[in-house]
PDB file of N, CA and C in Angstrom:
ATOM      1  N   MET A   1      13.581  -3.298 -13.552  1.00  0.00           N
ATOM      2  CA  MET A   1      13.995  -3.424 -12.169  1.00  0.00           C
ATOM      3  C   MET A   1      12.814  -3.965 -11.348  1.00  0.00           C
ATOM      4  N   LYS A   2      13.106  -4.829 -10.407  1.00  0.00           N
ATOM      5  CA  LYS A   2      12.078  -5.447  -9.577  1.00  0.00           C
ATOM      6  C   LYS A   2      12.402  -5.195  -8.111  1.00  0.00           C
ATOM      7  N   ILE A   3      11.365  -4.931  -7.310  1.00  0.00           N
ATOM      8  CA  ILE A   3      11.552  -4.746  -5.868  1.00  0.00           C
ATOM      9  C   ILE A   3      10.912  -5.929  -5.161  1.00  0.00           C
ATOM     10  N   GLN A   4      11.658  -6.573  -4.279  1.00  0.00           N
ATOM     11  CA  GLN A   4      11.124  -7.673  -3.469  1.00  0.00           C
ATOM     12  C   GLN A   4      11.229  -7.281  -2.006  1.00  0.00           C
ATOM     13  N   PRO A   5      10.088  -7.032  -1.351  1.00  0.00           N
ATOM     14  CA  PRO A   5      10.113  -6.683   0.073  1.00  0.00           C
ATOM     15  C   PRO A   5      10.656  -7.837   0.912  1.00  0.00           C
ATOM     16  N   LEU A   6      11.224  -7.496   2.059  1.00  0.00           N
ATOM     17  CA  LEU A   6      11.768  -8.493   2.976  1.00  0.00           C
ATOM     18  C   LEU A   6      10.872  -8.634   4.198  1.00  0.00           C
ATOM     19  N   ALA A   7      10.978  -9.748   4.882  1.00  0.00           N
ATOM     20  CA  ALA A   7      10.266 -10.033   6.138  1.00  0.00           C
ATOM     21  C   ALA A   7       8.774  -9.729   6.018  1.00  0.00           C
ATOM     22  N   ASP A   8       8.251  -8.852   6.908  1.00  0.00           N
ATOM     23  CA  ASP A   8       6.814  -8.564   6.911  1.00  0.00           C
ATOM     24  C   ASP A   8       6.481  -7.281   6.148  1.00  0.00           C
ATOM     25  N   LYS A   9       7.353  -6.879   5.240  1.00  0.00           N
ATOM     26  CA  LYS A   9       7.123  -5.666   4.443  1.00  0.00           C
ATOM     27  C   LYS A   9       6.322  -5.997   3.186  1.00  0.00           C
ATOM     28  N   VAL A  10       5.562  -4.984   2.708  1.00  0.00           N
ATOM     29  CA  VAL A  10       4.785  -5.139   1.483  1.00  0.00           C
ATOM     30  C   VAL A  10       5.045  -3.935   0.575  1.00  0.00           C
ATOM     31  N   LEU A  11       4.928  -4.153  -0.724  1.00  0.00           N
ATOM     32  CA  LEU A  11       5.071  -3.100  -1.715  1.00  0.00           C
ATOM     33  C   LEU A  11       3.673  -2.745  -2.203  1.00  0.00           C
ATOM     34  N   VAL A  12       3.323  -1.458  -2.092  1.00  0.00           N
ATOM     35  CA  VAL A  12       1.963  -1.004  -2.405  1.00  0.00           C
ATOM     36  C   VAL A  12       2.015   0.100  -3.447  1.00  0.00           C
ATOM     37  N   GLU A  13       1.097   0.028  -4.407  1.00  0.00           N
ATOM     38  CA  GLU A  13       0.910   1.106  -5.370  1.00  0.00           C
ATOM     39  C   GLU A  13      -0.367   1.831  -4.974  1.00  0.00           C
ATOM     40  N   ARG A  14      -0.258   3.132  -4.732  1.00  0.00           N
ATOM     41  CA  ARG A  14      -1.431   3.915  -4.327  1.00  0.00           C
ATOM     42  C   ARG A  14      -2.493   3.901  -5.420  1.00  0.00           C
ATOM     43  N   ILE A  15      -3.751   3.899  -4.988  1.00  0.00           N
ATOM     44  CA  ILE A  15      -4.878   4.058  -5.899  1.00  0.00           C
ATOM     45  C   ILE A  15      -5.312   5.505  -5.763  1.00  0.00           C
ATOM     46  N   GLU A  16      -5.280   6.227  -6.869  1.00  0.00           N
ATOM     47  CA  GLU A  16      -5.569   7.660  -6.838  1.00  0.00           C
ATOM     48  C   GLU A  16      -6.993   7.938  -6.376  1.00  0.00           C
ATOM     49  N   ALA A  17      -7.129   8.994  -5.587  1.00  0.00           N
ATOM     50  CA  ALA A  17      -8.428   9.422  -5.072  1.00  0.00           C
ATOM     51  C   ALA A  17      -9.244  10.055  -6.192  1.00  0.00           C
ATOM     52  N   GLU A  18     -10.548  10.069  -5.986  1.00  0.00           N
ATOM     53  CA  GLU A  18     -11.454  10.688  -6.943  1.00  0.00           C
ATOM     54  C   GLU A  18     -11.154  12.176  -7.069  1.00  0.00           C
ATOM     55  N   SER A  19     -11.310  12.716  -8.257  1.00  0.00           N
ATOM     56  CA  SER A  19     -11.067  14.137  -8.463  1.00  0.00           C
ATOM     57  C   SER A  19     -12.349  14.955  -8.336  1.00  0.00           C
ATOM     58  N   LYS A  20     -13.466  14.271  -8.019  1.00  0.00           N
ATOM     59  CA  LYS A  20     -14.750  14.946  -7.806  1.00  0.00           C
ATOM     60  C   LYS A  20     -15.321  14.551  -6.458  1.00  0.00           C
ATOM     61  N   THR A  21     -16.013  15.491  -5.825  1.00  0.00           N
ATOM     62  CA  THR A  21     -16.705  15.167  -4.579  1.00  0.00           C
ATOM     63  C   THR A  21     -18.028  14.498  -4.922  1.00  0.00           C
ATOM     64  N   ALA A  22     -18.720  13.987  -3.910  1.00  0.00           N
ATOM     65  CA  ALA A  22     -20.022  13.351  -4.120  1.00  0.00           C
ATOM     66  C   ALA A  22     -21.029  14.341  -4.707  1.00  0.00           C
ATOM     67  N   GLY A  23     -20.850  15.628  -4.407  1.00  0.00           N
ATOM     68  CA  GLY A  23     -21.758  16.661  -4.921  1.00  0.00           C
ATOM     69  C   GLY A  23     -21.394  17.140  -6.312  1.00  0.00           C
ATOM     70  N   GLY A  24     -20.327  16.601  -6.916  1.00  0.00           N
ATOM     71  CA  GLY A  24     -19.945  16.953  -8.275  1.00  0.00           C
ATOM     72  C   GLY A  24     -18.927  18.068  -8.381  1.00  0.00           C
ATOM     73  N   ILE A  25     -18.356  18.505  -7.271  1.00  0.00           N
ATOM     74  CA  ILE A  25     -17.342  19.569  -7.303  1.00  0.00           C
ATOM     75  C   ILE A  25     -16.000  18.954  -7.696  1.00  0.00           C
ATOM     76  N   VAL A  26     -15.358  19.540  -8.698  1.00  0.00           N
ATOM     77  CA  VAL A  26     -14.054  19.063  -9.158  1.00  0.00           C
ATOM     78  C   VAL A  26     -12.979  19.651  -8.252  1.00  0.00           C
ATOM     79  N   LEU A  27     -12.131  18.766  -7.710  1.00  0.00           N
ATOM     80  CA  LEU A  27     -11.066  19.191  -6.806  1.00  0.00           C
ATOM     81  C   LEU A  27      -9.763  19.410  -7.558  1.00  0.00           C
ATOM     82  N   PRO A  28      -9.087  20.554  -7.317  1.00  0.00           N
ATOM     83  CA  PRO A  28      -7.763  20.739  -7.926  1.00  0.00           C
ATOM     84  C   PRO A  28      -6.751  19.834  -7.224  1.00  0.00           C
ATOM     85  N   ASP A  29      -5.644  19.560  -7.900  1.00  0.00           N
ATOM     86  CA  ASP A  29      -4.611  18.677  -7.334  1.00  0.00           C
ATOM     87  C   ASP A  29      -4.115  19.152  -5.977  1.00  0.00           C
ATOM     88  N   THR A  30      -4.054  20.458  -5.762  1.00  0.00           N
ATOM     89  CA  THR A  30      -3.544  20.985  -4.496  1.00  0.00           C
ATOM     90  C   THR A  30      -4.490  20.721  -3.334  1.00  0.00           C
ATOM     91  N   ALA A  31      -5.756  20.476  -3.600  1.00  0.00           N
ATOM     92  CA  ALA A  31      -6.741  20.238  -2.541  1.00  0.00           C
ATOM     93  C   ALA A  31      -6.886  18.757  -2.210  1.00  0.00           C
ATOM     94  N   LYS A  32      -6.322  17.897  -3.032  1.00  0.00           N
ATOM     95  CA  LYS A  32      -6.450  16.453  -2.809  1.00  0.00           C
ATOM     96  C   LYS A  32      -5.490  15.989  -1.725  1.00  0.00           C
ATOM     97  N   GLU A  33      -5.967  15.074  -0.902  1.00  0.00           N
ATOM     98  CA  GLU A  33      -5.091  14.421   0.069  1.00  0.00           C
ATOM     99  C   GLU A  33      -4.541  13.165  -0.584  1.00  0.00           C
ATOM    100  N   LYS A  34      -3.386  12.729  -0.110  1.00  0.00           N
ATOM    101  CA  LYS A  34      -2.844  11.481  -0.643  1.00  0.00           C
ATOM    102  C   LYS A  34      -3.776  10.350  -0.218  1.00  0.00           C
ATOM    103  N   PRO A  35      -4.113   9.482  -1.144  1.00  0.00           N
ATOM    104  CA  PRO A  35      -5.027   8.393  -0.811  1.00  0.00           C
ATOM    105  C   PRO A  35      -4.418   7.410   0.178  1.00  0.00           C
ATOM    106  N   GLN A  36      -5.271   6.812   0.977  1.00  0.00           N
ATOM    107  CA  GLN A  36      -4.837   5.801   1.942  1.00  0.00           C
ATOM    108  C   GLN A  36      -5.268   4.417   1.471  1.00  0.00           C
ATOM    109  N   ARG A  37      -5.443   4.295   0.175  1.00  0.00           N
ATOM    110  CA  ARG A  37      -5.815   3.033  -0.450  1.00  0.00           C
ATOM    111  C   ARG A  37      -4.743   2.642  -1.444  1.00  0.00           C
ATOM    112  N   GLY A  38      -4.546   1.356  -1.586  1.00  0.00           N
ATOM    113  CA  GLY A  38      -3.551   0.904  -2.543  1.00  0.00           C
ATOM    114  C   GLY A  38      -3.732  -0.555  -2.906  1.00  0.00           C
ATOM    115  N   LYS A  39      -2.946  -0.970  -3.878  1.00  0.00           N
ATOM    116  CA  LYS A  39      -2.961  -2.350  -4.347  1.00  0.00           C
ATOM    117  C   LYS A  39      -1.620  -2.983  -4.022  1.00  0.00           C
ATOM    118  N   ILE A  40      -1.650  -4.172  -3.450  1.00  0.00           N
ATOM    119  CA  ILE A  40      -0.428  -4.895  -3.092  1.00  0.00           C
ATOM    120  C   ILE A  40       0.239  -5.392  -4.377  1.00  0.00           C
ATOM    121  N   ILE A  41       1.492  -5.009  -4.554  1.00  0.00           N
ATOM    122  CA  ILE A  41       2.266  -5.407  -5.727  1.00  0.00           C
ATOM    123  C   ILE A  41       3.167  -6.606  -5.407  1.00  0.00           C
ATOM    124  N   ALA A  42       3.721  -6.637  -4.198  1.00  0.00           N
ATOM    125  CA  ALA A  42       4.598  -7.741  -3.780  1.00  0.00           C
ATOM    126  C   ALA A  42       4.606  -7.816  -2.256  1.00  0.00           C
ATOM    127  N   VAL A  43       4.858  -9.014  -1.729  1.00  0.00           N
ATOM    128  CA  VAL A  43       4.924  -9.208  -0.274  1.00  0.00           C
ATOM    129  C   VAL A  43       6.199  -9.950   0.101  1.00  0.00           C
ATOM    130  N   GLY A  44       6.673  -9.684   1.316  1.00  0.00           N
ATOM    131  CA  GLY A  44       7.829 -10.400   1.840  1.00  0.00           C
ATOM    132  C   GLY A  44       7.431 -11.801   2.291  1.00  0.00           C
ATOM    133  N   GLU A  45       8.403 -12.553   2.756  1.00  0.00           N
ATOM    134  CA  GLU A  45       8.163 -13.938   3.183  1.00  0.00           C
ATOM    135  C   GLU A  45       7.469 -14.041   4.526  1.00  0.00           C
ATOM    136  N   GLY A  46       7.492 -12.982   5.304  1.00  0.00           N
ATOM    137  CA  GLY A  46       6.896 -13.008   6.638  1.00  0.00           C
ATOM    138  C   GLY A  46       7.959 -12.792   7.700  1.00  0.00           C
ATOM    139  N   LYS A  47       7.492 -12.429   8.874  1.00  0.00           N
ATOM    140  CA  LYS A  47       8.382 -12.123   9.994  1.00  0.00           C
ATOM    141  C   LYS A  47       8.861 -13.415  10.652  1.00  0.00           C
ATOM    142  N   LEU A  48      10.124 -13.427  11.041  1.00  0.00           N
ATOM    143  CA  LEU A  48      10.692 -14.581  11.730  1.00  0.00           C
ATOM    144  C   LEU A  48      10.467 -14.401  13.227  1.00  0.00           C
ATOM    145  N   HIS A  49       9.789 -15.368  13.842  1.00  0.00           N
ATOM    146  CA  HIS A  49       9.482 -15.290  15.267  1.00  0.00           C
ATOM    147  C   HIS A  49       9.763 -16.648  15.903  1.00  0.00           C
ATOM    148  N   ASP A  50      10.695 -16.690  16.841  1.00  0.00           N
ATOM    149  CA  ASP A  50      11.090 -17.933  17.517  1.00  0.00           C
ATOM    150  C   ASP A  50      11.465 -19.040  16.532  1.00  0.00           C
ATOM    151  N   GLY A  51      12.169 -18.667  15.469  1.00  0.00           N
ATOM    152  CA  GLY A  51      12.633 -19.656  14.502  1.00  0.00           C
ATOM    153  C   GLY A  51      11.593 -20.084  13.486  1.00  0.00           C
ATOM    154  N   THR A  52      10.394 -19.546  13.576  1.00  0.00           N
ATOM    155  CA  THR A  52       9.327 -19.895  12.635  1.00  0.00           C
ATOM    156  C   THR A  52       8.923 -18.651  11.855  1.00  0.00           C
ATOM    157  N   ARG A  53       8.748 -18.801  10.556  1.00  0.00           N
ATOM    158  CA  ARG A  53       8.336 -17.680   9.731  1.00  0.00           C
ATOM    159  C   ARG A  53       6.811 -17.559   9.753  1.00  0.00           C
ATOM    160  N   GLN A  54       6.320 -16.375  10.165  1.00  0.00           N
ATOM    161  CA  GLN A  54       4.875 -16.113  10.201  1.00  0.00           C
ATOM    162  C   GLN A  54       4.462 -15.513   8.872  1.00  0.00           C
ATOM    163  N   LYS A  55       3.577 -16.197   8.171  1.00  0.00           N
ATOM    164  CA  LYS A  55       3.152 -15.792   6.846  1.00  0.00           C
ATOM    165  C   LYS A  55       2.429 -14.443   6.880  1.00  0.00           C
ATOM    166  N   VAL A  56       2.660 -13.615   5.865  1.00  0.00           N
ATOM    167  CA  VAL A  56       1.985 -12.327   5.728  1.00  0.00           C
ATOM    168  C   VAL A  56       0.518 -12.584   5.378  1.00  0.00           C
ATOM    169  N   GLN A  57      -0.406 -11.810   5.986  1.00  0.00           N
ATOM    170  CA  GLN A  57      -1.838 -12.047   5.795  1.00  0.00           C
ATOM    171  C   GLN A  57      -2.381 -11.528   4.471  1.00  0.00           C
ATOM    172  N   VAL A  58      -1.697 -10.567   3.849  1.00  0.00           N
ATOM    173  CA  VAL A  58      -2.168 -10.038   2.571  1.00  0.00           C
ATOM    174  C   VAL A  58      -1.415 -10.718   1.438  1.00  0.00           C
ATOM    175  N   LYS A  59      -1.973 -10.622   0.238  1.00  0.00           N
ATOM    176  CA  LYS A  59      -1.325 -11.250  -0.911  1.00  0.00           C
ATOM    177  C   LYS A  59      -1.304 -10.288  -2.096  1.00  0.00           C
ATOM    178  N   LYS A  60      -0.500 -10.589  -3.063  1.00  0.00           N
ATOM    179  CA  LYS A  60      -0.378  -9.774  -4.268  1.00  0.00           C
ATOM    180  C   LYS A  60      -1.758  -9.612  -4.898  1.00  0.00           C
ATOM    181  N   GLY A  61      -2.098  -8.375  -5.260  1.00  0.00           N
ATOM    182  CA  GLY A  61      -3.384  -8.096  -5.895  1.00  0.00           C
ATOM    183  C   GLY A  61      -4.452  -7.598  -4.938  1.00  0.00           C
ATOM    184  N   ASP A  62      -4.260  -7.780  -3.621  1.00  0.00           N
ATOM    185  CA  ASP A  62      -5.238  -7.293  -2.645  1.00  0.00           C
ATOM    186  C   ASP A  62      -5.306  -5.769  -2.683  1.00  0.00           C
ATOM    187  N   GLU A  63      -6.517  -5.233  -2.522  1.00  0.00           N
ATOM    188  CA  GLU A  63      -6.702  -3.796  -2.380  1.00  0.00           C
ATOM    189  C   GLU A  63      -6.839  -3.531  -0.885  1.00  0.00           C
ATOM    190  N   VAL A  64      -6.044  -2.584  -0.373  1.00  0.00           N
ATOM    191  CA  VAL A  64      -5.968  -2.373   1.074  1.00  0.00           C
ATOM    192  C   VAL A  64      -6.136  -0.907   1.458  1.00  0.00           C
ATOM    193  N   ILE A  65      -6.453  -0.699   2.731  1.00  0.00           N
ATOM    194  CA  ILE A  65      -6.481   0.624   3.336  1.00  0.00           C
ATOM    195  C   ILE A  65      -5.366   0.635   4.372  1.00  0.00           C
ATOM    196  N   PHE A  66      -4.546   1.693   4.353  1.00  0.00           N
ATOM    197  CA  PHE A  66      -3.422   1.765   5.280  1.00  0.00           C
ATOM    198  C   PHE A  66      -3.440   3.084   6.049  1.00  0.00           C
ATOM    199  N   THR A  67      -2.638   3.168   7.097  1.00  0.00           N
ATOM    200  CA  THR A  67      -2.604   4.356   7.958  1.00  0.00           C
ATOM    201  C   THR A  67      -2.021   5.555   7.212  1.00  0.00           C
ATOM    202  N   SER A  68      -2.344   6.740   7.705  1.00  0.00           N
ATOM    203  CA  SER A  68      -1.943   7.993   7.052  1.00  0.00           C
ATOM    204  C   SER A  68      -0.444   8.134   6.841  1.00  0.00           C
ATOM    205  N   TYR A  69       0.334   7.771   7.827  1.00  0.00           N
ATOM    206  CA  TYR A  69       1.780   7.984   7.754  1.00  0.00           C
ATOM    207  C   TYR A  69       2.536   6.685   7.527  1.00  0.00           C
ATOM    208  N   ALA A  70       1.915   5.770   6.824  1.00  0.00           N
ATOM    209  CA  ALA A  70       2.505   4.454   6.592  1.00  0.00           C
ATOM    210  C   ALA A  70       3.627   4.508   5.579  1.00  0.00           C
ATOM    211  N   GLY A  71       4.625   3.702   5.818  1.00  0.00           N
ATOM    212  CA  GLY A  71       5.634   3.388   4.834  1.00  0.00           C
ATOM    213  C   GLY A  71       6.572   4.467   4.363  1.00  0.00           C
ATOM    214  N   THR A  72       7.377   4.062   3.396  1.00  0.00           N
ATOM    215  CA  THR A  72       8.380   4.908   2.769  1.00  0.00           C
ATOM    216  C   THR A  72       8.100   4.920   1.269  1.00  0.00           C
ATOM    217  N   GLU A  73       8.046   6.126   0.706  1.00  0.00           N
ATOM    218  CA  GLU A  73       7.797   6.237  -0.728  1.00  0.00           C
ATOM    219  C   GLU A  73       9.083   5.981  -1.496  1.00  0.00           C
ATOM    220  N   VAL A  74       8.967   5.195  -2.571  1.00  0.00           N
ATOM    221  CA  VAL A  74      10.097   4.914  -3.450  1.00  0.00           C
ATOM    222  C   VAL A  74       9.642   5.078  -4.893  1.00  0.00           C
ATOM    223  N   LYS A  75      10.570   5.438  -5.761  1.00  0.00           N
ATOM    224  CA  LYS A  75      10.257   5.605  -7.177  1.00  0.00           C
ATOM    225  C   LYS A  75      11.128   4.644  -7.963  1.00  0.00           C
ATOM    226  N   VAL A  76      10.485   3.789  -8.758  1.00  0.00           N
ATOM    227  CA  VAL A  76      11.209   2.801  -9.552  1.00  0.00           C
ATOM    228  C   VAL A  76      10.637   2.808 -10.962  1.00  0.00           C
ATOM    229  N   GLY A  77      11.487   3.007 -11.945  1.00  0.00           N
ATOM    230  CA  GLY A  77      11.045   2.986 -13.335  1.00  0.00           C
ATOM    231  C   GLY A  77       9.959   4.013 -13.633  1.00  0.00           C
ATOM    232  N   GLY A  78      10.022   5.159 -12.976  1.00  0.00           N
ATOM    233  CA  GLY A  78       9.049   6.218 -13.213  1.00  0.00           C
ATOM    234  C   GLY A  78       7.737   6.052 -12.468  1.00  0.00           C
ATOM    235  N   LYS A  79       7.561   4.968 -11.724  1.00  0.00           N
ATOM    236  CA  LYS A  79       6.344   4.727 -10.945  1.00  0.00           C
ATOM    237  C   LYS A  79       6.638   4.907  -9.468  1.00  0.00           C
ATOM    238  N   GLU A  80       5.641   5.424  -8.745  1.00  0.00           N
ATOM    239  CA  GLU A  80       5.791   5.607  -7.303  1.00  0.00           C
ATOM    240  C   GLU A  80       5.126   4.455  -6.555  1.00  0.00           C
ATOM    241  N   TYR A  81       5.824   3.948  -5.559  1.00  0.00           N
ATOM    242  CA  TYR A  81       5.339   2.868  -4.710  1.00  0.00           C
ATOM    243  C   TYR A  81       5.586   3.242  -3.255  1.00  0.00           C
ATOM    244  N   MET A  82       5.040   2.431  -2.373  1.00  0.00           N
ATOM    245  CA  MET A  82       5.308   2.562  -0.951  1.00  0.00           C
ATOM    246  C   MET A  82       5.727   1.203  -0.424  1.00  0.00           C
ATOM    247  N   ILE A  83       6.735   1.206   0.431  1.00  0.00           N
ATOM    248  CA  ILE A  83       7.118  -0.013   1.143  1.00  0.00           C
ATOM    249  C   ILE A  83       6.703   0.216   2.584  1.00  0.00           C
ATOM    250  N   MET A  84       5.883  -0.684   3.112  1.00  0.00           N
ATOM    251  CA  MET A  84       5.387  -0.521   4.477  1.00  0.00           C
ATOM    252  C   MET A  84       5.337  -1.860   5.185  1.00  0.00           C
ATOM    253  N   SER A  85       5.256  -1.783   6.512  1.00  0.00           N
ATOM    254  CA  SER A  85       5.093  -2.985   7.326  1.00  0.00           C
ATOM    255  C   SER A  85       3.655  -3.469   7.198  1.00  0.00           C
ATOM    256  N   GLU A  86       3.488  -4.755   7.317  1.00  0.00           N
ATOM    257  CA  GLU A  86       2.140  -5.322   7.270  1.00  0.00           C
ATOM    258  C   GLU A  86       1.263  -4.702   8.361  1.00  0.00           C
ATOM    259  N   SER A  87       1.853  -4.326   9.486  1.00  0.00           N
ATOM    260  CA  SER A  87       1.085  -3.763  10.597  1.00  0.00           C
ATOM    261  C   SER A  87       0.506  -2.387  10.268  1.00  0.00           C
ATOM    262  N   ASP A  88       1.006  -1.711   9.211  1.00  0.00           N
ATOM    263  CA  ASP A  88       0.460  -0.426   8.784  1.00  0.00           C
ATOM    264  C   ASP A  88      -0.834  -0.588   7.984  1.00  0.00           C
ATOM    265  N   ILE A  89      -1.140  -1.809   7.578  1.00  0.00           N
ATOM    266  CA  ILE A  89      -2.355  -2.077   6.811  1.00  0.00           C
ATOM    267  C   ILE A  89      -3.494  -2.322   7.789  1.00  0.00           C
ATOM    268  N   MET A  90      -4.591  -1.562   7.613  1.00  0.00           N
ATOM    269  CA  MET A  90      -5.729  -1.669   8.519  1.00  0.00           C
ATOM    270  C   MET A  90      -6.804  -2.619   8.022  1.00  0.00           C
ATOM    271  N   ALA A  91      -6.959  -2.733   6.693  1.00  0.00           N
ATOM    272  CA  ALA A  91      -8.047  -3.569   6.154  1.00  0.00           C
ATOM    273  C   ALA A  91      -7.772  -3.968   4.722  1.00  0.00           C
ATOM    274  N   VAL A  92      -8.370  -5.096   4.324  1.00  0.00           N
ATOM    275  CA  VAL A  92      -8.385  -5.529   2.944  1.00  0.00           C
ATOM    276  C   VAL A  92      -9.787  -5.241   2.418  1.00  0.00           C
ATOM    277  N   ILE A  93      -9.874  -4.621   1.240  1.00  0.00           N
ATOM    278  CA  ILE A  93     -11.164  -4.292   0.648  1.00  0.00           C
ATOM    279  C   ILE A  93     -11.614  -5.490  -0.178  1.00  0.00           C
ATOM    280  N   GLU A  94     -12.764  -6.040   0.171  1.00  0.00           N
ATOM    281  CA  GLU A  94     -13.315  -7.184  -0.566  1.00  0.00           C
ATOM    282  C   GLU A  94     -14.431  -6.687  -1.473  1.00  0.00           C
ATOM    283  N   GLN A  95     -14.420  -7.155  -2.703  1.00  0.00           N
ATOM    284  CA  GLN A  95     -15.435  -6.682  -3.651  1.00  0.00           C
ATOM    285  C   GLN A  95     -16.337  -7.780  -4.105  1.00  0.00           C
TER     286      GLN A  95
END
């Protein structure tokens, strides 16, 4: 099964947070917050504005940081993803 976002929506796979703190303390699953980082899996065509389609600024494969309450969680083929608006993305991580 394949998911194709529409308009300015993007499909993101969360990147799991570290299970250790900087000081070496191992965190149990219950103490972990959901990560606000993810990898773009698919992007929509862009938002239609005055008859012109505005291209989405992120692309497949980009690693991004998004807002805490961004998007809607969906489960497809046993994997969890998020569908969110491009405006929920705050930054692209460049390496």
